[in-house]
Amino acid sequence: MRWDAQALMPRPADDLGSGPSPALLPLAGLVRSVTTPEFAGITFHEVTAKSVLNKVVAGSRMPFEWTVNPYRGCSHACVYCFARKSHTYLDFDAGLDFDSQVVVKVNAAEVLRKELAKPSWGRHQVALGTNTDPYQRAEGRYALMPGIITALADSGTPLSILTKGTLLARDIPLLKRAAAQVPVGVGISLAMTDEALSEAVEPGTPGPRARLKLVSRLRDAGLPCGVMAMPILPWLSDSDEALDSLFAALAAAGATGVTAGALYLKPGTREWFMQWIAKNHPELAGRYRRLYGTGSYASKEYRTWLAAKVRYFKHRHGFTSGHGFSHRDLEDDPRGEEAQYPAGSIPSTGVGIQERPAGESQPAAAGPRQQPTLF
């Protein structure tokens, strides 16, 4: 990646003197705002953070207590991204700004190492990829993750990573070394095999085939790799054919577990996604409004129907025990996950390692039910 053509954002007309460009946004610790031809339409706001360890709010359903997010905003530009609302806290909007105004904590690894060295640090699991993707394309330039992974492993802190970014392959040797020191969980987010649909709804991500290859590379390296198959999109990726293709591909790639569930539309995400649906699939706009009503979740009937289909295809392709990646709550409705498994059976940490017995036969189970007709 060439950054020799990078440019600072221009000064106001009355301030054209020499020296560094002034902060143009009310971002704490802003050093400079950078554009480059390699990322047309994207601005990177480089900041120096005072702290990078984030404590999860008490009472949260999350299966971890601490997170690290080296980036805010995400060039993956997934129209359904649950984290869009968080960009408004920085005085950006949850739509195009989320995709194009990326905040980079350039000193993340240095600050994290200092925080982990404090006597008060309890070596709790730290989750990466909980808000925006730590392996989005900018990571190729900034290379923040190697320092973060090393700091966590050296301090004896377990870690888990969730990503759509195939750049993670760069760090496989590092992750193997870290896994010899602490528990390491790796999860890939992949909810469809349709390349055209993926290009439409998650245009900045590596396509499904590339992510499936990454799953295989992780497994070949001896690392467990769960998959978060979220979100399943009503009328776009929830057909028998789509789900059969997805779980067959994940099984062939060697995924150690899968967590799946329906699209979750939080405020901020809902408005952006519904705008996309109205433009690209106007025939579905009314259906989505009826299915989601005024809330964030698809109707209980739909979620129950989808959970039954997911169970069927998971069993069909050998995912008969264990579960997927532990960041299950991040991109979808946690109640959809509860509909799939008995209460208390969802693991709270790590990746559910699961091997499929060779030659396992398809379970004797009813086929997928027909979609409820009232939607």
Protein backbone atom coordinates (compact mmCIF):
# COMPACT_ATOMS: atom_id res chain seq x y z
CA MET A 1 0.00 0.00 0.00
CA ARG A 2 1.55 3.31 -1.05
CA TRP A 3 0.98 6.28 1.24
CA ASP A 4 3.57 8.56 -0.32
CA ALA A 5 0.71 10.55 -1.85
CA GLN A 6 -1.05 11.08 1.46
CA ALA A 7 -2.22 14.61 2.18
CA LEU A 8 -3.30 16.53 5.23
CA MET A 9 -6.78 18.00 5.11
CA PRO A 10 -6.56 21.66 4.00
CA ARG A 11 -6.46 24.54 6.43
CA PRO A 12 -9.11 27.22 6.59
CA ALA A 13 -8.40 30.04 4.09
CA ASP A 14 -7.25 32.43 6.83
CA ASP A 15 -4.69 30.01 8.27
CA LEU A 16 -2.26 29.00 5.52
CA GLY A 17 1.01 29.31 7.42
CA SER A 18 3.65 26.64 7.74
CA GLY A 19 3.59 23.80 10.24
CA PRO A 20 1.19 20.94 11.04
CA SER A 21 -2.45 21.18 10.05
CA PRO A 22 -4.66 22.17 12.98
CA ALA A 23 -7.37 19.91 14.37
CA LEU A 24 -10.43 20.30 12.17
CA LEU A 25 -12.85 18.29 14.34
CA PRO A 26 -13.59 18.20 18.08
CA LEU A 27 -11.85 14.83 18.47
CA ALA A 28 -9.81 14.36 21.63
CA GLY A 29 -6.15 13.91 20.82
CA LEU A 30 -6.50 14.64 17.10
CA VAL A 31 -3.08 14.87 15.45
CA ARG A 32 -4.02 15.18 11.80
CA SER A 33 -6.63 14.20 9.21
CA VAL A 34 -5.25 12.27 6.26
CA THR A 35 -6.50 11.39 2.77
CA THR A 36 -4.78 9.23 0.17
CA PRO A 37 -5.65 8.06 -3.37
CA GLU A 38 -5.60 4.43 -2.24
CA PHE A 39 -8.69 5.16 -0.13
CA ALA A 40 -10.71 7.45 -2.36
CA GLY A 41 -13.47 9.19 -0.43
CA ILE A 42 -12.15 8.16 3.01
CA THR A 43 -10.54 10.41 5.59
CA PHE A 44 -8.43 9.01 8.42
CA HIS A 45 -8.40 11.04 11.62
CA GLU A 46 -5.26 10.08 13.53
CA VAL A 47 -5.63 10.52 17.27
CA THR A 48 -3.52 9.80 20.33
CA ALA A 49 -5.63 7.97 22.88
CA LYS A 50 -5.23 8.31 26.64
CA SER A 51 -6.85 4.90 27.23
CA VAL A 52 -7.82 2.00 24.98
CA LEU A 53 -9.15 -0.59 27.42
CA ASN A 54 -12.93 -0.18 27.54
CA LYS A 55 -15.02 -1.62 30.36
CA VAL A 56 -18.30 -3.13 29.19
CA VAL A 57 -21.29 -1.52 30.87
CA ALA A 58 -22.46 -3.37 33.98
CA GLY A 59 -25.46 -5.59 33.30
CA SER A 60 -24.56 -6.06 29.65
CA ARG A 61 -25.36 -9.40 27.98
CA MET A 62 -21.89 -9.49 26.45
CA PRO A 63 -19.80 -12.58 27.30
CA PHE A 64 -16.75 -10.45 28.05
CA GLU A 65 -15.95 -7.52 30.31
CA TRP A 66 -13.33 -5.58 28.34
CA THR A 67 -12.82 -4.48 24.76
CA VAL A 68 -10.23 -2.72 22.63
CA ASN A 69 -11.21 -0.88 19.44
CA PRO A 70 -8.22 0.62 17.61
CA TYR A 71 -10.51 2.13 14.94
CA ARG A 72 -13.85 3.94 14.99
CA GLY A 73 -15.84 4.07 11.81
CA CYS A 74 -15.29 1.35 9.22
CA SER A 75 -14.51 1.35 5.50
CA HIS A 76 -16.21 -2.03 5.17
CA ALA A 77 -19.38 0.06 4.83
CA CYS A 78 -21.79 -2.75 5.76
CA VAL A 79 -25.26 -1.27 5.39
CA TYR A 80 -26.51 -3.34 8.33
CA CYS A 81 -23.63 -2.57 10.75
CA PHE A 82 -24.95 -2.44 14.31
CA ALA A 83 -22.24 0.05 15.38
CA ARG A 84 -23.33 2.97 13.18
CA LYS A 85 -24.99 4.87 16.02
CA SER A 86 -21.70 5.05 17.91
CA HIS A 87 -20.28 7.42 15.27
CA THR A 88 -22.78 10.10 16.25
CA TYR A 89 -21.00 10.37 19.61
CA LEU A 90 -18.09 11.90 17.65
CA ASP A 91 -20.35 14.41 15.87
CA PHE A 92 -20.33 12.32 12.70
CA ASP A 93 -23.48 10.87 11.16
CA ALA A 94 -24.38 7.17 11.28
CA GLY A 95 -24.57 6.85 7.49
CA LEU A 96 -21.91 7.92 5.03
CA ASP A 97 -19.67 9.39 7.73
CA PHE A 98 -19.45 6.00 9.43
CA ASP A 99 -18.12 4.53 6.18
CA SER A 100 -15.79 7.37 5.25
CA GLN A 101 -14.58 9.13 8.43
CA VAL A 102 -12.34 6.63 10.22
CA VAL A 103 -10.71 7.46 13.54
CA VAL A 104 -7.34 5.74 14.09
CA LYS A 105 -5.85 5.42 17.58
CA VAL A 106 -2.26 5.51 16.38
CA ASN A 107 -0.76 4.88 19.83
CA ALA A 108 -3.15 2.06 20.78
CA ALA A 109 -0.53 -0.64 21.38
CA GLU A 110 1.71 1.62 23.47
CA VAL A 111 -1.14 2.80 25.68
CA LEU A 112 -2.56 -0.71 26.03
CA ARG A 113 0.78 -2.11 27.20
CA LYS A 114 0.90 0.51 29.96
CA GLU A 115 -2.67 -0.23 31.02
CA LEU A 116 -2.03 -3.97 31.16
CA ALA A 117 1.06 -3.43 33.33
CA LYS A 118 -0.96 -1.84 36.12
CA PRO A 119 -1.15 -3.98 39.29
CA SER A 120 -4.93 -3.57 39.25
CA TRP A 121 -5.32 -5.34 35.88
CA GLY A 122 -7.05 -8.69 36.45
CA ARG A 123 -6.18 -10.35 33.10
CA HIS A 124 -9.82 -10.59 32.05
CA GLN A 125 -10.63 -11.61 28.48
CA VAL A 126 -10.34 -8.71 26.03
CA ALA A 127 -12.47 -8.76 22.88
CA LEU A 128 -11.43 -7.07 19.63
CA GLY A 129 -13.86 -6.36 16.81
CA THR A 130 -16.75 -5.47 19.08
CA ASN A 131 -17.52 -2.09 17.53
CA THR A 132 -15.70 -1.74 14.23
CA ASP A 133 -13.45 -4.18 12.39
CA PRO A 134 -9.83 -4.23 13.62
CA TYR A 135 -8.74 -5.67 10.26
CA GLN A 136 -10.43 -3.16 7.98
CA ARG A 137 -8.23 -2.05 5.10
CA ALA A 138 -6.51 0.76 7.02
CA GLU A 139 -4.85 -1.85 9.24
CA GLY A 140 -2.57 -2.63 6.29
CA ARG A 141 -1.11 0.85 6.69
CA TYR A 142 -1.29 1.44 10.43
CA ALA A 143 -0.47 -2.13 11.58
CA LEU A 144 -1.91 -1.63 15.05
CA MET A 145 -3.01 -5.23 15.66
CA PRO A 146 0.40 -6.92 15.99
CA GLY A 147 1.33 -4.61 18.87
CA ILE A 148 -2.08 -5.09 20.49
CA ILE A 149 -1.98 -8.90 20.23
CA THR A 150 1.57 -9.00 21.57
CA ALA A 151 0.75 -6.69 24.48
CA LEU A 152 -2.22 -8.84 25.50
CA ALA A 153 -0.36 -12.15 25.21
CA ASP A 154 2.74 -10.87 27.01
CA SER A 155 0.59 -9.68 29.92
CA GLY A 156 -1.19 -13.05 30.24
CA THR A 157 -4.51 -11.64 29.02
CA PRO A 158 -6.86 -13.92 27.02
CA LEU A 159 -8.14 -12.37 23.80
CA SER A 160 -10.70 -12.91 21.09
CA ILE A 161 -10.96 -11.35 17.62
CA LEU A 162 -13.94 -11.03 15.31
CA THR A 163 -13.38 -9.79 11.76
CA LYS A 164 -14.41 -9.82 8.12
CA GLY A 165 -10.90 -8.76 7.12
CA THR A 166 -8.63 -11.25 5.39
CA LEU A 167 -5.68 -9.10 6.48
CA LEU A 168 -5.86 -11.20 9.65
CA ALA A 169 -3.90 -13.83 7.69
CA ARG A 170 -0.83 -11.61 8.08
CA ASP A 171 -0.96 -12.18 11.83
CA ILE A 172 -1.52 -15.97 11.88
CA PRO A 173 2.06 -16.69 13.04
CA LEU A 174 1.65 -14.09 15.78
CA LEU A 175 -1.70 -15.55 16.84
CA LYS A 176 -0.15 -19.03 17.04
CA ARG A 177 2.54 -17.71 19.36
CA ALA A 178 -0.07 -15.87 21.43
CA ALA A 179 -2.18 -19.04 21.69
CA ALA A 180 0.79 -20.76 23.34
CA GLN A 181 0.67 -18.10 26.07
CA VAL A 182 -3.05 -17.38 26.59
CA PRO A 183 -6.45 -18.57 25.37
CA VAL A 184 -7.08 -17.07 21.91
CA GLY A 185 -10.43 -17.03 20.12
CA VAL A 186 -10.73 -16.20 16.43
CA GLY A 187 -14.02 -15.61 14.66
CA ILE A 188 -14.86 -14.74 11.08
CA SER A 189 -18.06 -12.87 10.27
CA LEU A 190 -19.71 -14.45 7.22
CA ALA A 191 -23.46 -14.78 6.70
CA MET A 192 -23.85 -15.44 2.95
CA THR A 193 -22.10 -17.08 0.04
CA ASP A 194 -23.76 -14.96 -2.66
CA GLU A 195 -20.91 -12.77 -3.94
CA ALA A 196 -23.23 -10.26 -5.62
CA LEU A 197 -25.35 -9.78 -2.50
CA SER A 198 -22.21 -9.41 -0.38
CA GLU A 199 -20.88 -6.75 -2.74
CA ALA A 200 -24.17 -4.88 -2.41
CA VAL A 201 -24.60 -4.94 1.38
CA GLU A 202 -20.96 -5.01 2.57
CA PRO A 203 -19.09 -3.36 -0.33
CA GLY A 204 -15.81 -2.70 1.45
CA THR A 205 -15.24 -6.24 2.71
CA PRO A 206 -13.38 -9.17 1.18
CA GLY A 207 -15.96 -11.39 -0.53
CA PRO A 208 -17.32 -14.67 0.85
CA ARG A 209 -14.85 -16.85 -1.07
CA ALA A 210 -11.91 -14.92 0.37
CA ARG A 211 -13.26 -15.24 3.91
CA LEU A 212 -13.86 -18.96 3.49
CA LYS A 213 -10.22 -19.33 2.44
CA LEU A 214 -9.24 -17.46 5.59
CA VAL A 215 -11.22 -19.92 7.73
CA SER A 216 -9.32 -22.78 6.09
CA ARG A 217 -5.95 -21.04 6.61
CA LEU A 218 -6.68 -20.56 10.29
CA ARG A 219 -7.68 -24.19 10.69
CA ASP A 220 -4.61 -25.37 8.75
CA ALA A 221 -2.52 -23.33 11.19
CA GLY A 222 -4.07 -25.25 14.08
CA LEU A 223 -6.21 -22.38 15.34
CA PRO A 224 -9.91 -22.79 16.11
CA CYS A 225 -12.13 -20.60 13.96
CA GLY A 226 -15.76 -20.00 14.75
CA VAL A 227 -18.06 -18.18 12.37
CA MET A 228 -20.65 -15.55 13.15
CA ALA A 229 -23.28 -16.03 10.45
CA MET A 230 -25.01 -12.76 11.16
CA PRO A 231 -27.03 -11.08 9.99
CA ILE A 232 -29.31 -13.37 8.02
CA LEU A 233 -31.32 -10.95 5.88
CA PRO A 234 -35.06 -11.62 5.49
CA TRP A 235 -36.00 -12.39 1.87
CA LEU A 236 -32.40 -11.88 0.73
CA SER A 237 -30.31 -14.58 2.43
CA ASP A 238 -32.78 -16.71 4.41
CA SER A 239 -33.93 -19.14 1.70
CA ASP A 240 -33.27 -22.88 1.94
CA GLU A 241 -30.80 -22.58 -0.92
CA ALA A 242 -28.90 -19.71 0.69
CA LEU A 243 -28.66 -21.35 4.12
CA ASP A 244 -27.74 -24.75 2.70
CA SER A 245 -24.98 -23.15 0.63
CA LEU A 246 -23.70 -21.18 3.64
CA PHE A 247 -23.47 -24.07 6.09
CA ALA A 248 -22.07 -26.43 3.46
CA ALA A 249 -19.33 -23.92 2.66
CA LEU A 250 -18.52 -23.35 6.33
CA ALA A 251 -18.29 -27.09 6.95
CA ALA A 252 -16.02 -27.56 3.94
CA ALA A 253 -13.77 -24.74 5.16
CA GLY A 254 -13.43 -26.41 8.56
CA ALA A 255 -15.26 -23.89 10.76
CA THR A 256 -15.25 -25.09 14.36
CA GLY A 257 -18.68 -23.70 15.13
CA VAL A 258 -21.35 -21.35 13.81
CA THR A 259 -23.64 -18.81 15.45
CA ALA A 260 -26.47 -17.52 13.27
CA GLY A 261 -29.38 -15.16 13.65
CA ALA A 262 -31.59 -12.55 12.03
CA LEU A 263 -30.85 -8.96 11.09
CA TYR A 264 -30.92 -6.57 14.06
CA LEU A 265 -31.81 -2.94 13.35
CA LYS A 266 -30.73 -0.60 16.13
CA PRO A 267 -31.47 3.12 15.81
CA GLY A 268 -28.94 4.61 13.44
CA THR A 269 -28.56 1.32 11.64
CA ARG A 270 -32.28 1.02 11.00
CA GLU A 271 -32.56 4.31 9.12
CA TRP A 272 -29.52 3.63 6.93
CA PHE A 273 -30.55 0.06 6.13
CA MET A 274 -34.17 0.95 5.39
CA GLN A 275 -32.96 3.68 3.04
CA TRP A 276 -30.83 1.07 1.25
CA ILE A 277 -33.75 -1.38 1.01
CA ALA A 278 -36.08 1.29 -0.38
CA LYS A 279 -33.53 2.17 -3.07
CA ASN A 280 -32.30 -1.30 -4.02
CA HIS A 281 -35.26 -3.56 -3.19
CA PRO A 282 -38.36 -1.34 -3.12
CA GLU A 283 -40.56 -4.44 -3.33
CA LEU A 284 -39.30 -5.44 0.15
CA ALA A 285 -39.57 -2.06 1.87
CA GLY A 286 -43.12 -2.61 3.11
CA ARG A 287 -42.32 -6.16 4.22
CA TYR A 288 -39.39 -4.97 6.31
CA ARG A 289 -41.48 -2.25 7.94
CA ARG A 290 -44.11 -4.81 8.90
CA LEU A 291 -41.55 -7.38 10.04
CA TYR A 292 -39.67 -4.95 12.31
CA GLY A 293 -42.50 -2.63 13.29
CA THR A 294 -41.12 0.21 15.36
CA GLY A 295 -38.47 -1.88 17.11
CA SER A 296 -35.01 -3.30 16.46
CA TYR A 297 -35.93 -6.98 16.29
CA ALA A 298 -37.72 -9.01 13.66
CA SER A 299 -40.98 -10.44 14.92
CA LYS A 300 -40.78 -13.36 17.34
CA GLU A 301 -42.55 -15.59 14.81
CA TYR A 302 -39.92 -14.86 12.17
CA ARG A 303 -37.04 -15.43 14.59
CA THR A 304 -38.51 -18.74 15.73
CA TRP A 305 -39.01 -19.79 12.11
CA LEU A 306 -35.44 -18.84 11.20
CA ALA A 307 -34.00 -20.59 14.27
CA ALA A 308 -35.66 -23.83 13.19
CA LYS A 309 -34.16 -23.55 9.71
CA VAL A 310 -30.73 -22.78 11.14
CA ARG A 311 -30.90 -25.85 13.41
CA TYR A 312 -31.84 -28.03 10.48
CA PHE A 313 -29.03 -26.90 8.20
CA LYS A 314 -26.45 -26.91 10.99
CA HIS A 315 -27.30 -30.54 11.72
CA ARG A 316 -27.35 -31.35 8.03
CA HIS A 317 -23.78 -30.18 7.66
CA GLY A 318 -22.39 -31.66 10.85
CA PHE A 319 -22.52 -28.76 13.29
CA THR A 320 -24.09 -30.92 15.97
CA SER A 321 -22.37 -29.65 19.11
CA GLY A 322 -20.60 -26.56 20.30
CA HIS A 323 -21.36 -23.11 19.01
CA GLY A 324 -19.79 -20.31 17.09
CA PHE A 325 -17.92 -17.22 18.08
CA SER A 326 -18.66 -15.68 21.46
CA HIS A 327 -19.34 -12.18 20.12
CA ARG A 328 -22.83 -13.42 19.26
CA ASP A 329 -24.65 -10.42 20.74
CA LEU A 330 -22.76 -7.82 18.77
CA GLU A 331 -24.37 -8.01 15.37
CA ASP A 332 -27.73 -9.50 16.03
CA ASP A 333 -30.63 -10.14 18.36
CA PRO A 334 -29.43 -12.19 21.34
CA ARG A 335 -32.94 -13.55 21.75
CA GLY A 336 -32.65 -15.15 18.33
CA GLU A 337 -29.67 -17.12 19.66
CA GLU A 338 -31.62 -18.15 22.74
CA ALA A 339 -34.35 -19.46 20.47
CA GLN A 340 -31.82 -21.87 18.97
CA TYR A 341 -30.34 -23.33 22.16
CA PRO A 342 -31.64 -24.31 25.60
CA ALA A 343 -31.31 -21.69 28.31
CA GLY A 344 -27.81 -21.58 29.74
CA SER A 345 -26.22 -23.67 27.00
CA ILE A 346 -24.51 -20.83 25.13
CA PRO A 347 -20.84 -20.64 26.12
CA SER A 348 -19.73 -17.39 27.71
CA THR A 349 -16.11 -17.25 26.56
CA GLY A 350 -13.86 -18.30 23.73
CA VAL A 351 -14.67 -20.20 20.59
CA GLY A 352 -16.65 -23.42 20.84
CA ILE A 353 -14.19 -25.91 19.36
CA GLN A 354 -16.06 -28.62 17.55
CA GLU A 355 -14.89 -31.32 15.20
CA ARG A 356 -17.30 -33.08 12.88
CA PRO A 357 -17.00 -36.87 13.01
CA ALA A 358 -15.93 -38.29 9.67
CA GLY A 359 -18.81 -39.71 7.69
CA GLU A 360 -21.44 -38.44 10.08
CA SER A 361 -24.88 -39.03 8.62
CA GLN A 362 -27.60 -36.44 8.31
CA PRO A 363 -29.74 -36.41 11.46
CA ALA A 364 -33.29 -37.61 11.32
CA ALA A 365 -35.01 -34.26 11.49
CA ALA A 366 -37.85 -32.53 9.80
CA GLY A 367 -36.94 -30.40 6.80
CA PRO A 368 -37.00 -26.60 6.91
CA ARG A 369 -40.42 -25.14 7.54
CA GLN A 370 -42.07 -22.75 5.15
CA GLN A 371 -41.62 -19.04 5.89
CA PRO A 372 -44.56 -17.49 7.76
CA THR A 373 -46.90 -15.99 5.20
CA LEU A 374 -48.09 -12.93 7.11
CA PHE A 375 -44.93 -10.92 6.38
